[in-house]
Protein backbone atom coordinates (compact mmCIF):
# COMPACT_ATOMS: atom_id res chain seq x y z
CA UNK A 1 19.74 5.38 -6.53
CA UNK A 2 20.47 1.27 -5.98
CA UNK A 3 18.20 -1.08 -7.58
CA UNK A 4 17.12 -4.66 -6.36
CA UNK A 5 15.90 -7.23 -8.45
CA UNK A 6 15.03 -10.80 -6.90
CA UNK A 7 13.41 -13.13 -9.08
CA UNK A 8 12.36 -16.79 -7.83
CA UNK A 9 10.65 -19.41 -9.45
CA UNK A 10 7.75 -21.56 -7.53
CA UNK A 11 5.50 -24.42 -8.07
CA UNK A 12 2.83 -22.79 -5.86
CA UNK A 13 0.46 -22.21 -8.46
CA UNK A 14 -1.20 -18.55 -8.77
CA UNK A 15 -3.74 -19.05 -6.14
CA UNK A 16 -1.27 -20.10 -3.21
CA UNK A 17 1.16 -17.42 -4.75
CA UNK A 18 -1.40 -14.95 -4.30
CA UNK A 19 -2.00 -15.67 -0.86
CA UNK A 20 1.05 -15.31 0.02
CA UNK A 21 1.79 -11.90 -1.93
CA UNK A 22 -1.51 -10.87 0.08
CA UNK A 23 -0.30 -11.93 3.42
CA UNK A 24 3.42 -10.24 2.62
CA UNK A 25 1.51 -6.95 1.64
CA UNK A 26 -0.44 -7.05 5.17
CA UNK A 27 2.77 -7.28 6.90
CA UNK A 28 4.50 -4.63 4.88
CA UNK A 29 1.94 -2.13 5.63
CA UNK A 30 1.43 -2.98 9.35
CA UNK A 31 5.19 -3.51 10.39
CA UNK A 32 7.10 -1.91 7.38
CA UNK A 33 4.86 1.16 7.25
CA UNK A 34 4.62 0.89 3.43
CA UNK A 35 1.94 2.24 1.53
CA UNK A 36 0.96 -0.88 -0.66
CA UNK A 37 -1.48 -0.74 -3.57
CA UNK A 38 -2.58 -4.12 -4.67
CA UNK A 39 -3.88 -5.16 -8.10
CA UNK A 40 -5.23 -8.38 -9.13
CA UNK A 41 -5.02 -9.82 -12.66
CA UNK A 42 -6.31 -13.07 -14.32
CA UNK A 43 -2.75 -14.33 -14.81
CA UNK A 44 -0.93 -12.43 -12.14
CA UNK A 45 -0.82 -9.86 -9.51
CA UNK A 46 1.46 -6.66 -8.95
CA UNK A 47 1.73 -5.16 -5.29
CA UNK A 48 3.36 -1.34 -5.46
CA UNK A 49 4.75 -0.39 -2.49
CA UNK A 50 6.69 2.78 -1.04
CA UNK A 51 7.86 4.33 1.92
CA UNK A 52 10.57 6.56 2.96
CA UNK A 53 13.76 5.47 1.28
CA UNK A 54 12.07 2.59 -0.98
CA UNK A 55 9.47 2.01 -3.74
CA UNK A 56 8.93 -0.87 -5.93
CA UNK A 57 6.93 -3.69 -7.04
CA UNK A 58 6.57 -7.22 -6.25
CA UNK A 59 5.08 -9.30 -9.51
CA UNK A 60 3.26 -12.78 -8.79
CA UNK A 61 2.35 -15.23 -11.20
CA UNK A 62 1.42 -19.09 -11.20
CA UNK A 63 5.49 -19.64 -11.88
CA UNK A 64 7.47 -16.78 -10.24
CA UNK A 65 8.03 -13.87 -8.09
CA UNK A 66 9.62 -10.77 -9.02
CA UNK A 67 10.54 -8.08 -6.96
CA UNK A 68 12.01 -4.81 -8.18
CA UNK A 69 12.95 -2.12 -5.95
CA UNK A 70 14.81 1.32 -5.87
CA UNK A 71 16.59 2.37 -2.76
CA UNK A 72 16.92 5.74 -1.74
CA UNK A 73 20.32 7.48 -0.86
CA UNK A 74 20.41 6.70 2.76
CA UNK A 75 19.62 2.90 2.41
CA UNK A 76 21.48 2.52 -1.04
CA UNK A 77 24.59 1.64 1.04
CA UNK A 78 22.83 -1.31 2.47
CA UNK A 79 21.56 -2.67 -0.56
CA UNK A 80 23.66 -5.86 -0.71
CA UNK A 81 22.49 -6.52 2.98
CA UNK A 82 18.78 -5.95 1.91
CA UNK A 83 19.02 -7.93 -1.14
CA UNK A 84 20.44 -10.82 0.92
CA UNK A 85 18.14 -10.60 3.34
CA UNK A 86 14.92 -10.44 1.26
CA UNK A 87 16.19 -13.30 -1.30
CA UNK A 88 17.01 -15.67 1.93
CA UNK A 89 13.54 -15.01 3.20
CA UNK A 90 12.02 -16.03 0.34
CA UNK A 91 13.97 -19.19 -0.54
CA UNK A 92 13.40 -20.22 2.89
CA UNK A 93 9.63 -19.98 2.63
CA UNK A 94 9.56 -21.50 -1.04
CA UNK A 95 11.28 -24.42 0.50
CA UNK A 96 8.82 -25.12 2.69
CA UNK A 97 5.64 -27.17 2.12
CA UNK A 98 3.33 -24.40 3.10
CA UNK A 99 5.05 -21.20 2.90
CA UNK A 100 2.00 -19.53 3.68
CA UNK A 101 2.11 -21.19 7.31
CA UNK A 102 5.87 -20.85 7.25
CA UNK A 103 5.55 -17.23 6.82
CA UNK A 104 3.36 -16.86 9.86
CA UNK A 105 5.25 -18.94 11.80
CA UNK A 106 8.41 -17.15 11.20
CA UNK A 107 6.21 -13.93 12.15
CA UNK A 108 5.42 -15.37 15.74
CA UNK A 109 8.89 -16.07 16.38
CA UNK A 110 10.62 -12.74 15.63
CA UNK A 111 7.36 -11.31 17.85
CA UNK A 112 8.24 -13.78 20.63
CA UNK A 113 12.30 -13.42 20.26
CA UNK A 114 11.18 -9.40 20.50
CA UNK A 115 9.26 -9.77 23.64
CA UNK A 116 12.00 -12.00 25.22
CA UNK A 117 14.59 -9.33 24.44
CA UNK A 118 12.32 -6.64 25.92
CA UNK A 119 11.96 -8.50 29.07
CA UNK A 120 15.46 -8.94 29.61
CA UNK A 121 16.12 -5.38 29.03
CA UNK A 122 13.52 -4.58 31.59
CA UNK A 123 15.34 -6.75 34.10
CA UNK A 124 18.88 -5.22 33.58
CA UNK A 125 16.92 -1.60 33.71
CA UNK A 126 15.58 -3.09 37.13
CA UNK A 127 18.83 -4.44 38.42
CA UNK A 128 20.22 -1.41 37.62
CA UNK A 129 18.09 0.86 39.56
């Protein structure tokens, strides 16, 4: 089993970090089909997540995000890529003035790109028929 550990300091404060973690939890449930349990604490929050092939937790406080996950046998060979993707996404969000708005904007761009790709594939299929 491969382990992923990502830790990033932030200057958001607890309330803004909490909102970002809550939004990530919503998306993880809907788009990644993860089971998530969100526990809010006085000094920080913990999101426990699980799906086939991966499980872990995201800890959030007023100063940092800490993600620890274990990857199952099938995902373990992709540890480097998974870790790089998560860290890169988090770094890009934290570089923004409003990470929550940037997160939602990135989701919208991905949805639009997916629609465009599907339209192009439909055109190609119709052209072959």
